[in-house]
Amino acid sequence: MQPGFSFQLNASDGPARAGTLTTPHGSVPTPLFMPVATAATVKGVDIGRVADTGAGMILANAYHLHLRPGESSLERAGGLAAFMGWHGPTLTDSGGFQVFSLARQVKVNEQGAFFRSHLDGSPVEFTPEASMRIQESIGADVAMQLDHVVALPAPRDVVADAMRRSLRWAERCRAAHARPEQALFGIVQGGLEPDLRQESAEGLRAIGFPGYAVGGLSVGEGSEAMDRSLRATVPHLPADRPRYLMGVGQPRDIIEAVATGIDMFDCVLPT
């Protein structure tokens, strides 16, 4: 675990559990839902009112912040939390999903993703090493590995190739990550294939991360398919580390995911 970062389990009921996530910017109870401040602001709500909702942790997006205002601006301001005027923990998504959903002319190879900005068409290069540099400069308490996201449904061989590339990128992210007070989470991929999800989870455990996310869901597969995928994935994640289901915000889906042992959520749905 990174200095100032810990996860404590306080109670459980079957796979469901309650805990405390501690970061350098404070502690928050889990399960928790993170409002999305994509570009370092929660749409339609000032930062004081975000705190009034009871939210304890906020998510921002490294892809959007890299393009505008640029990570150097946040670094000069003292990091993401100071830039926003937020006094609690923060997390940055690596931007993998946005690269493949928003960027133009995306080309992916073993080195990384190469594309043109959706803002002005300028060329951008996202490699695992670049993602770590960007997220370290942004300065959130939790950073996410760069992963290769594919739209579902997709052929099994395409899903498997992206999952295994994500594992190789996870190793590179782990090797490149150098900010000691920032925790880096790995991301499980594998589409709706239980064996690929298991392979991804076990591969990430072998690399070793302070926390683990489940990615590549809530992309149109339906709630029941998501439930099946979570039941096939979560048992293969360490019980003593936080588990984060990315991009899920429907109340029904949150309740079902908590029942499988998920601790953290985010979604743009409320904003």
C-alpha atoms as a PDB file:
ATOM      1  CA  MET A   1       0.000   0.000   0.000  1.00  0.00           C
ATOM      2  CA  GLN A   2       1.076   3.581  -0.700  1.00  0.00           C
ATOM      3  CA  PRO A   3       1.808   5.912   2.254  1.00  0.00           C
ATOM      4  CA  GLY A   4      -1.422   7.365   3.610  1.00  0.00           C
ATOM      5  CA  PHE A   5      -3.568   4.873   1.682  1.00  0.00           C
ATOM      6  CA  SER A   6      -5.433   1.963   3.278  1.00  0.00           C
ATOM      7  CA  PHE A   7      -8.662   0.000   3.098  1.00  0.00           C
ATOM      8  CA  GLN A   8     -10.321  -1.417   6.195  1.00  0.00           C
ATOM      9  CA  LEU A   9     -13.261  -3.820   6.207  1.00  0.00           C
ATOM     10  CA  ASN A  10     -15.720  -2.972   8.982  1.00  0.00           C
ATOM     11  CA  ALA A  11     -18.662  -5.320   8.375  1.00  0.00           C
ATOM     12  CA  SER A  12     -19.956  -7.867   5.884  1.00  0.00           C
ATOM     13  CA  ASP A  13     -23.160  -9.662   4.950  1.00  0.00           C
ATOM     14  CA  GLY A  14     -22.285 -12.442   2.555  1.00  0.00           C
ATOM     15  CA  PRO A  15     -20.164 -10.908  -0.218  1.00  0.00           C
ATOM     16  CA  ALA A  16     -21.515  -7.399   0.533  1.00  0.00           C
ATOM     17  CA  ARG A  17     -19.309  -5.353   2.812  1.00  0.00           C
ATOM     18  CA  ALA A  18     -18.849  -1.962   4.442  1.00  0.00           C
ATOM     19  CA  GLY A  19     -15.436  -0.424   4.886  1.00  0.00           C
ATOM     20  CA  THR A  20     -13.299   2.683   5.148  1.00  0.00           C
ATOM     21  CA  LEU A  21     -11.045   3.933   2.363  1.00  0.00           C
ATOM     22  CA  THR A  22      -8.266   6.170   3.674  1.00  0.00           C
ATOM     23  CA  THR A  23      -6.276   8.480   1.390  1.00  0.00           C
ATOM     24  CA  PRO A  24      -3.888  11.406   1.924  1.00  0.00           C
ATOM     25  CA  HIS A  25      -6.909  13.727   1.578  1.00  0.00           C
ATOM     26  CA  GLY A  26      -9.068  11.965   4.141  1.00  0.00           C
ATOM     27  CA  SER A  27     -11.162   8.868   4.779  1.00  0.00           C
ATOM     28  CA  VAL A  28     -14.506   7.912   3.237  1.00  0.00           C
ATOM     29  CA  PRO A  29     -16.937   5.102   4.071  1.00  0.00           C
ATOM     30  CA  THR A  30     -17.687   2.435   1.497  1.00  0.00           C
ATOM     31  CA  PRO A  31     -19.736   1.565  -0.458  1.00  0.00           C
ATOM     32  CA  LEU A  32     -19.325   5.003  -2.015  1.00  0.00           C
ATOM     33  CA  PHE A  33     -20.533   6.794  -5.130  1.00  0.00           C
ATOM     34  CA  MET A  34     -18.253   9.350  -6.790  1.00  0.00           C
ATOM     35  CA  PRO A  35     -19.841  12.305  -8.610  1.00  0.00           C
ATOM     36  CA  VAL A  36     -18.110  12.869 -11.944  1.00  0.00           C
ATOM     37  CA  ALA A  37     -16.174  16.104 -12.389  1.00  0.00           C
ATOM     38  CA  THR A  38     -14.983  15.226 -15.895  1.00  0.00           C
ATOM     39  CA  ALA A  39     -13.052  18.448 -16.453  1.00  0.00           C
ATOM     40  CA  ALA A  40     -12.514  19.248 -12.746  1.00  0.00           C
ATOM     41  CA  THR A  41     -16.053  20.514 -12.215  1.00  0.00           C
ATOM     42  CA  VAL A  42     -19.349  18.758 -11.501  1.00  0.00           C
ATOM     43  CA  LYS A  43     -21.836  20.086 -14.037  1.00  0.00           C
ATOM     44  CA  GLY A  44     -24.548  22.306 -12.610  1.00  0.00           C
ATOM     45  CA  VAL A  45     -23.358  22.044  -8.996  1.00  0.00           C
ATOM     46  CA  ASP A  46     -20.791  24.202  -7.221  1.00  0.00           C
ATOM     47  CA  ILE A  47     -18.186  22.389  -5.175  1.00  0.00           C
ATOM     48  CA  GLY A  48     -19.739  23.335  -1.832  1.00  0.00           C
ATOM     49  CA  ARG A  49     -23.069  21.821  -2.809  1.00  0.00           C
ATOM     50  CA  VAL A  50     -21.315  18.645  -3.930  1.00  0.00           C
ATOM     51  CA  ALA A  51     -20.057  18.265  -0.364  1.00  0.00           C
ATOM     52  CA  ASP A  52     -23.566  18.969   0.946  1.00  0.00           C
ATOM     53  CA  THR A  53     -24.875  15.915  -0.933  1.00  0.00           C
ATOM     54  CA  GLY A  54     -22.742  13.703   1.287  1.00  0.00           C
ATOM     55  CA  ALA A  55     -20.350  12.740  -1.500  1.00  0.00           C
ATOM     56  CA  GLY A  56     -16.952  11.997  -0.030  1.00  0.00           C
ATOM     57  CA  MET A  57     -14.855  11.453  -3.160  1.00  0.00           C
ATOM     58  CA  ILE A  58     -14.874  12.940  -6.679  1.00  0.00           C
ATOM     59  CA  LEU A  59     -13.759  11.516 -10.027  1.00  0.00           C
ATOM     60  CA  ALA A  60     -12.147  13.507 -12.843  1.00  0.00           C
ATOM     61  CA  ASN A  61     -10.906  12.372 -16.236  1.00  0.00           C
ATOM     62  CA  ALA A  62      -7.266  12.423 -17.282  1.00  0.00           C
ATOM     63  CA  TYR A  63      -8.086  12.489 -21.011  1.00  0.00           C
ATOM     64  CA  HIS A  64     -10.184  15.647 -20.758  1.00  0.00           C
ATOM     65  CA  LEU A  65      -7.852  17.367 -18.287  1.00  0.00           C
ATOM     66  CA  HIS A  66      -4.826  16.594 -20.453  1.00  0.00           C
ATOM     67  CA  LEU A  67      -6.480  18.276 -23.429  1.00  0.00           C
ATOM     68  CA  ARG A  68      -7.817  21.216 -21.420  1.00  0.00           C
ATOM     69  CA  PRO A  69      -6.503  22.939 -19.293  1.00  0.00           C
ATOM     70  CA  GLY A  70      -3.476  20.599 -19.344  1.00  0.00           C
ATOM     71  CA  GLU A  71      -1.969  18.733 -16.412  1.00  0.00           C
ATOM     72  CA  SER A  72       0.691  21.407 -15.887  1.00  0.00           C
ATOM     73  CA  SER A  73      -2.037  23.901 -14.934  1.00  0.00           C
ATOM     74  CA  LEU A  74      -3.372  21.557 -12.264  1.00  0.00           C
ATOM     75  CA  GLU A  75       0.122  20.825 -10.995  1.00  0.00           C
ATOM     76  CA  ARG A  76       0.835  24.558 -10.596  1.00  0.00           C
ATOM     77  CA  ALA A  77      -2.429  24.932  -8.677  1.00  0.00           C
ATOM     78  CA  GLY A  78      -1.335  22.287  -6.174  1.00  0.00           C
ATOM     79  CA  GLY A  79      -3.130  19.312  -7.690  1.00  0.00           C
ATOM     80  CA  LEU A  80      -6.661  18.364  -8.657  1.00  0.00           C
ATOM     81  CA  ALA A  81      -8.295  18.851  -5.245  1.00  0.00           C
ATOM     82  CA  ALA A  82      -6.789  22.309  -4.760  1.00  0.00           C
ATOM     83  CA  PHE A  83      -7.682  23.298  -8.337  1.00  0.00           C
ATOM     84  CA  MET A  84     -11.342  22.408  -7.671  1.00  0.00           C
ATOM     85  CA  GLY A  85     -11.470  23.763  -4.133  1.00  0.00           C
ATOM     86  CA  TRP A  86     -12.333  20.258  -2.922  1.00  0.00           C
ATOM     87  CA  HIS A  87     -11.185  19.074   0.501  1.00  0.00           C
ATOM     88  CA  GLY A  88     -11.655  15.324   0.097  1.00  0.00           C
ATOM     89  CA  PRO A  89     -10.209  12.412  -1.876  1.00  0.00           C
ATOM     90  CA  THR A  90     -10.121  12.363  -5.674  1.00  0.00           C
ATOM     91  CA  LEU A  91      -9.643   9.767  -8.415  1.00  0.00           C
ATOM     92  CA  THR A  92      -8.689  10.157 -12.062  1.00  0.00           C
ATOM     93  CA  ASP A  93      -9.824   7.759 -14.757  1.00  0.00           C
ATOM     94  CA  SER A  94      -6.998   7.123 -17.216  1.00  0.00           C
ATOM     95  CA  GLY A  95      -9.168   8.160 -20.154  1.00  0.00           C
ATOM     96  CA  GLY A  96      -9.057   4.788 -21.891  1.00  0.00           C
ATOM     97  CA  PHE A  97     -12.819   4.753 -22.451  1.00  0.00           C
ATOM     98  CA  GLN A  98     -12.852   8.337 -23.740  1.00  0.00           C
ATOM     99  CA  VAL A  99      -9.956   7.668 -26.116  1.00  0.00           C
ATOM    100  CA  PHE A 100     -11.941   4.948 -27.833  1.00  0.00           C
ATOM    101  CA  SER A 101     -15.345   6.663 -27.673  1.00  0.00           C
ATOM    102  CA  LEU A 102     -14.554  10.335 -28.340  1.00  0.00           C
ATOM    103  CA  ALA A 103     -11.233  10.597 -30.111  1.00  0.00           C
ATOM    104  CA  ARG A 104     -10.985  10.618 -33.888  1.00  0.00           C
ATOM    105  CA  GLN A 105      -8.856   8.341 -36.039  1.00  0.00           C
ATOM    106  CA  VAL A 106      -7.758   6.115 -33.158  1.00  0.00           C
ATOM    107  CA  LYS A 107      -4.922   3.698 -33.859  1.00  0.00           C
ATOM    108  CA  VAL A 108      -3.987   1.143 -31.222  1.00  0.00           C
ATOM    109  CA  ASN A 109      -0.866  -0.967 -31.121  1.00  0.00           C
ATOM    110  CA  GLU A 110       1.249  -2.516 -28.404  1.00  0.00           C
ATOM    111  CA  GLN A 111       2.872   0.832 -27.661  1.00  0.00           C
ATOM    112  CA  GLY A 112      -0.375   2.677 -26.929  1.00  0.00           C
ATOM    113  CA  ALA A 113      -3.241   4.642 -28.465  1.00  0.00           C
ATOM    114  CA  PHE A 114      -2.659   7.337 -31.057  1.00  0.00           C
ATOM    115  CA  PHE A 115      -5.496   9.622 -32.058  1.00  0.00           C
ATOM    116  CA  ARG A 116      -6.659  13.148 -32.767  1.00  0.00           C
ATOM    117  CA  SER A 117      -8.225  15.382 -30.148  1.00  0.00           C
ATOM    118  CA  HIS A 118     -12.003  15.668 -30.312  1.00  0.00           C
ATOM    119  CA  LEU A 119     -11.527  19.390 -29.554  1.00  0.00           C
ATOM    120  CA  ASP A 120      -9.223  20.608 -32.311  1.00  0.00           C
ATOM    121  CA  GLY A 121      -7.950  17.584 -34.212  1.00  0.00           C
ATOM    122  CA  SER A 122      -4.401  17.860 -32.869  1.00  0.00           C
ATOM    123  CA  PRO A 123      -2.437  14.583 -32.592  1.00  0.00           C
ATOM    124  CA  VAL A 124      -2.301  12.974 -29.139  1.00  0.00           C
ATOM    125  CA  GLU A 125      -0.345   9.958 -27.910  1.00  0.00           C
ATOM    126  CA  PHE A 126      -1.530   7.941 -24.916  1.00  0.00           C
ATOM    127  CA  THR A 127       0.847   5.220 -23.771  1.00  0.00           C
ATOM    128  CA  PRO A 128       0.828   3.582 -20.337  1.00  0.00           C
ATOM    129  CA  GLU A 129       3.883   5.633 -19.412  1.00  0.00           C
ATOM    130  CA  ALA A 130       2.329   8.881 -20.657  1.00  0.00           C
ATOM    131  CA  SER A 131      -0.891   8.138 -18.774  1.00  0.00           C
ATOM    132  CA  MET A 132       1.079   7.719 -15.558  1.00  0.00           C
ATOM    133  CA  ARG A 133       2.963  10.992 -16.083  1.00  0.00           C
ATOM    134  CA  ILE A 134      -0.291  12.834 -16.764  1.00  0.00           C
ATOM    135  CA  GLN A 135      -2.107  11.391 -13.751  1.00  0.00           C
ATOM    136  CA  GLU A 136       0.845  11.961 -11.446  1.00  0.00           C
ATOM    137  CA  SER A 137       0.911  15.626 -12.485  1.00  0.00           C
ATOM    138  CA  ILE A 138      -2.855  15.948 -11.978  1.00  0.00           C
ATOM    139  CA  GLY A 139      -2.243  14.646  -8.474  1.00  0.00           C
ATOM    140  CA  ALA A 140      -5.392  12.699  -7.562  1.00  0.00           C
ATOM    141  CA  ASP A 141      -5.270  10.293  -4.630  1.00  0.00           C
ATOM    142  CA  VAL A 142      -6.091   7.364  -6.929  1.00  0.00           C
ATOM    143  CA  ALA A 143      -4.932   6.882 -10.523  1.00  0.00           C
ATOM    144  CA  MET A 144      -6.141   4.229 -12.954  1.00  0.00           C
ATOM    145  CA  GLN A 145      -4.115   2.126 -15.355  1.00  0.00           C
ATOM    146  CA  LEU A 146      -4.514   2.766 -19.079  1.00  0.00           C
ATOM    147  CA  ASP A 147      -6.625  -0.037 -20.529  1.00  0.00           C
ATOM    148  CA  HIS A 148      -7.792  -1.061 -23.987  1.00  0.00           C
ATOM    149  CA  VAL A 149     -11.575  -0.707 -24.123  1.00  0.00           C
ATOM    150  CA  VAL A 150     -13.658  -2.352 -26.852  1.00  0.00           C
ATOM    151  CA  ALA A 151     -17.337  -1.800 -27.571  1.00  0.00           C
ATOM    152  CA  LEU A 152     -19.689  -4.691 -26.846  1.00  0.00           C
ATOM    153  CA  PRO A 153     -20.843  -6.913 -28.377  1.00  0.00           C
ATOM    154  CA  ALA A 154     -17.539  -7.900 -29.953  1.00  0.00           C
ATOM    155  CA  PRO A 155     -16.051 -11.191 -31.185  1.00  0.00           C
ATOM    156  CA  ARG A 156     -14.364 -13.225 -28.470  1.00  0.00           C
ATOM    157  CA  ASP A 157     -10.935 -12.966 -30.091  1.00  0.00           C
ATOM    158  CA  VAL A 158     -11.194  -9.159 -30.165  1.00  0.00           C
ATOM    159  CA  VAL A 159     -12.204  -9.059 -26.480  1.00  0.00           C
ATOM    160  CA  ALA A 160      -9.416 -11.474 -25.520  1.00  0.00           C
ATOM    161  CA  ASP A 161      -6.800  -9.497 -27.433  1.00  0.00           C
ATOM    162  CA  ALA A 162      -7.848  -6.223 -25.762  1.00  0.00           C
ATOM    163  CA  MET A 163      -7.924  -7.852 -22.317  1.00  0.00           C
ATOM    164  CA  ARG A 164      -4.420  -9.280 -22.669  1.00  0.00           C
ATOM    165  CA  ARG A 165      -3.108  -5.995 -24.036  1.00  0.00           C
ATOM    166  CA  SER A 166      -4.651  -4.293 -20.988  1.00  0.00           C
ATOM    167  CA  LEU A 167      -2.735  -6.718 -18.760  1.00  0.00           C
ATOM    168  CA  ARG A 168       0.526  -5.893 -20.505  1.00  0.00           C
ATOM    169  CA  TRP A 169      -0.272  -2.189 -20.214  1.00  0.00           C
ATOM    170  CA  ALA A 170      -1.040  -2.724 -16.510  1.00  0.00           C
ATOM    171  CA  GLU A 171       2.485  -4.062 -16.011  1.00  0.00           C
ATOM    172  CA  ARG A 172       3.918  -1.019 -17.781  1.00  0.00           C
ATOM    173  CA  CYS A 173       1.750   1.352 -15.734  1.00  0.00           C
ATOM    174  CA  ARG A 174       2.883  -0.328 -12.515  1.00  0.00           C
ATOM    175  CA  ALA A 175       6.526  -0.022 -13.557  1.00  0.00           C
ATOM    176  CA  ALA A 176       6.174   3.624 -14.615  1.00  0.00           C
ATOM    177  CA  HIS A 177       4.091   4.853 -11.684  1.00  0.00           C
ATOM    178  CA  ALA A 178       6.366   6.831  -9.382  1.00  0.00           C
ATOM    179  CA  ARG A 179       4.208   9.064  -7.163  1.00  0.00           C
ATOM    180  CA  PRO A 180       4.436   7.412  -3.724  1.00  0.00           C
ATOM    181  CA  GLU A 181       1.401   9.108  -2.164  1.00  0.00           C
ATOM    182  CA  GLN A 182      -0.875   8.142  -5.082  1.00  0.00           C
ATOM    183  CA  ALA A 183      -2.497   4.690  -5.316  1.00  0.00           C
ATOM    184  CA  LEU A 184      -2.710   2.996  -8.721  1.00  0.00           C
ATOM    185  CA  PHE A 185      -5.644   0.670  -9.468  1.00  0.00           C
ATOM    186  CA  GLY A 186      -5.653  -2.083 -12.083  1.00  0.00           C
ATOM    187  CA  ILE A 187      -8.697  -2.596 -14.336  1.00  0.00           C
ATOM    188  CA  VAL A 188     -10.268  -5.979 -15.093  1.00  0.00           C
ATOM    189  CA  GLN A 189     -11.404  -6.418 -18.691  1.00  0.00           C
ATOM    190  CA  GLY A 190     -12.766  -9.408 -20.603  1.00  0.00           C
ATOM    191  CA  GLY A 191     -16.187  -8.407 -21.892  1.00  0.00           C
ATOM    192  CA  LEU A 192     -18.961 -10.828 -20.946  1.00  0.00           C
ATOM    193  CA  GLU A 193     -16.702 -13.896 -21.042  1.00  0.00           C
ATOM    194  CA  PRO A 194     -16.341 -15.361 -17.510  1.00  0.00           C
ATOM    195  CA  ASP A 195     -13.057 -17.133 -18.234  1.00  0.00           C
ATOM    196  CA  LEU A 196     -11.516 -13.989 -19.725  1.00  0.00           C
ATOM    197  CA  ARG A 197     -12.659 -11.961 -16.709  1.00  0.00           C
ATOM    198  CA  GLN A 198     -11.051 -14.531 -14.422  1.00  0.00           C
ATOM    199  CA  GLU A 199      -7.829 -14.489 -16.448  1.00  0.00           C
ATOM    200  CA  SER A 200      -7.721 -10.697 -16.262  1.00  0.00           C
ATOM    201  CA  ALA A 201      -8.400 -10.578 -12.505  1.00  0.00           C
ATOM    202  CA  GLU A 202      -5.779 -13.206 -11.744  1.00  0.00           C
ATOM    203  CA  GLY A 203      -3.248 -11.482 -13.984  1.00  0.00           C
ATOM    204  CA  LEU A 204      -3.765  -8.173 -12.198  1.00  0.00           C
ATOM    205  CA  ARG A 205      -3.461  -9.848  -8.796  1.00  0.00           C
ATOM    206  CA  ALA A 206      -0.125 -11.288  -9.878  1.00  0.00           C
ATOM    207  CA  ILE A 207       1.108  -7.789 -10.780  1.00  0.00           C
ATOM    208  CA  GLY A 208      -0.211  -6.404  -7.486  1.00  0.00           C
ATOM    209  CA  PHE A 209      -2.229  -3.203  -7.007  1.00  0.00           C
ATOM    210  CA  PRO A 210      -3.616  -1.315  -3.981  1.00  0.00           C
ATOM    211  CA  GLY A 211      -7.091  -1.545  -5.551  1.00  0.00           C
ATOM    212  CA  TYR A 212      -8.910  -3.144  -8.466  1.00  0.00           C
ATOM    213  CA  ALA A 213     -11.574  -1.891 -10.856  1.00  0.00           C
ATOM    214  CA  VAL A 214     -14.027  -3.737 -13.080  1.00  0.00           C
ATOM    215  CA  GLY A 215     -14.179  -1.997 -16.447  1.00  0.00           C
ATOM    216  CA  GLY A 216     -15.861  -2.546 -19.786  1.00  0.00           C
ATOM    217  CA  LEU A 217     -19.407  -2.910 -18.417  1.00  0.00           C
ATOM    218  CA  SER A 218     -22.478  -0.657 -18.526  1.00  0.00           C
ATOM    219  CA  VAL A 219     -21.937  -0.291 -22.266  1.00  0.00           C
ATOM    220  CA  GLY A 220     -25.294  -1.606 -23.435  1.00  0.00           C
ATOM    221  CA  GLU A 221     -25.059  -5.238 -22.347  1.00  0.00           C
ATOM    222  CA  GLY A 222     -28.030  -5.003 -19.956  1.00  0.00           C
ATOM    223  CA  SER A 223     -28.286  -5.374 -16.196  1.00  0.00           C
ATOM    224  CA  GLU A 224     -28.590  -9.160 -16.058  1.00  0.00           C
ATOM    225  CA  ALA A 225     -25.491  -9.647 -18.203  1.00  0.00           C
ATOM    226  CA  MET A 226     -23.630  -7.190 -15.974  1.00  0.00           C
ATOM    227  CA  ASP A 227     -24.713  -9.127 -12.885  1.00  0.00           C
ATOM    228  CA  ARG A 228     -23.422 -12.390 -14.353  1.00  0.00           C
ATOM    229  CA  SER A 229     -20.116 -10.783 -15.271  1.00  0.00           C
ATOM    230  CA  LEU A 230     -19.651  -9.370 -11.766  1.00  0.00           C
ATOM    231  CA  ARG A 231     -20.417 -12.712 -10.148  1.00  0.00           C
ATOM    232  CA  ALA A 232     -17.749 -14.259 -12.373  1.00  0.00           C
ATOM    233  CA  THR A 233     -15.200 -11.527 -11.614  1.00  0.00           C
ATOM    234  CA  VAL A 234     -15.383 -10.326  -8.013  1.00  0.00           C
ATOM    235  CA  PRO A 235     -14.502 -13.653  -6.310  1.00  0.00           C
ATOM    236  CA  HIS A 236     -11.120 -13.502  -8.053  1.00  0.00           C
ATOM    237  CA  LEU A 237     -10.246 -10.064  -6.619  1.00  0.00           C
ATOM    238  CA  PRO A 238      -8.458  -9.687  -3.260  1.00  0.00           C
ATOM    239  CA  ALA A 239     -10.852  -9.302  -0.336  1.00  0.00           C
ATOM    240  CA  ASP A 240      -8.556  -6.838   1.441  1.00  0.00           C
ATOM    241  CA  ARG A 241      -8.436  -4.296  -1.411  1.00  0.00           C
ATOM    242  CA  PRO A 242     -11.120  -1.863  -2.631  1.00  0.00           C
ATOM    243  CA  ARG A 243     -13.160  -2.947  -5.656  1.00  0.00           C
ATOM    244  CA  TYR A 244     -14.460  -0.311  -8.047  1.00  0.00           C
ATOM    245  CA  LEU A 245     -17.161  -0.806 -10.711  1.00  0.00           C
ATOM    246  CA  MET A 246     -16.573   1.848 -13.346  1.00  0.00           C
ATOM    247  CA  GLY A 247     -19.328   3.898 -14.976  1.00  0.00           C
ATOM    248  CA  VAL A 248     -22.331   2.376 -13.191  1.00  0.00           C
ATOM    249  CA  GLY A 249     -24.952   4.621 -11.574  1.00  0.00           C
ATOM    250  CA  GLN A 250     -28.431   3.139 -11.904  1.00  0.00           C
ATOM    251  CA  PRO A 251     -29.743   2.496  -8.360  1.00  0.00           C
ATOM    252  CA  ARG A 252     -30.752  -1.069  -9.216  1.00  0.00           C
ATOM    253  CA  ASP A 253     -27.313  -1.840 -10.628  1.00  0.00           C
ATOM    254  CA  ILE A 254     -25.518  -0.332  -7.622  1.00  0.00           C
ATOM    255  CA  ILE A 255     -27.560  -2.437  -5.185  1.00  0.00           C
ATOM    256  CA  GLU A 256     -26.889  -5.633  -7.118  1.00  0.00           C
ATOM    257  CA  ALA A 257     -23.183  -4.820  -7.429  1.00  0.00           C
ATOM    258  CA  VAL A 258     -22.846  -4.116  -3.703  1.00  0.00           C
ATOM    259  CA  ALA A 259     -24.352  -7.558  -3.109  1.00  0.00           C
ATOM    260  CA  THR A 260     -21.452  -9.082  -5.088  1.00  0.00           C
ATOM    261  CA  GLY A 261     -18.814  -7.211  -3.045  1.00  0.00           C
ATOM    262  CA  ILE A 262     -18.223  -3.971  -4.987  1.00  0.00           C
ATOM    263  CA  ASP A 263     -17.151  -0.937  -2.913  1.00  0.00           C
ATOM    264  CA  MET A 264     -16.900   2.041  -5.286  1.00  0.00           C
ATOM    265  CA  PHE A 265     -18.977   3.484  -8.129  1.00  0.00           C
ATOM    266  CA  ASP A 266     -19.082   6.466 -10.475  1.00  0.00           C
ATOM    267  CA  CYS A 267     -21.425   7.618 -13.221  1.00  0.00           C
ATOM    268  CA  VAL A 268     -22.373  10.774 -15.116  1.00  0.00           C
ATOM    269  CA  LEU A 269     -26.064   9.875 -14.703  1.00  0.00           C
ATOM    270  CA  PRO A 270     -26.840  12.274 -11.805  1.00  0.00           C
ATOM    271  CA  THR A 271     -25.172  15.228 -13.527  1.00  0.00           C
END
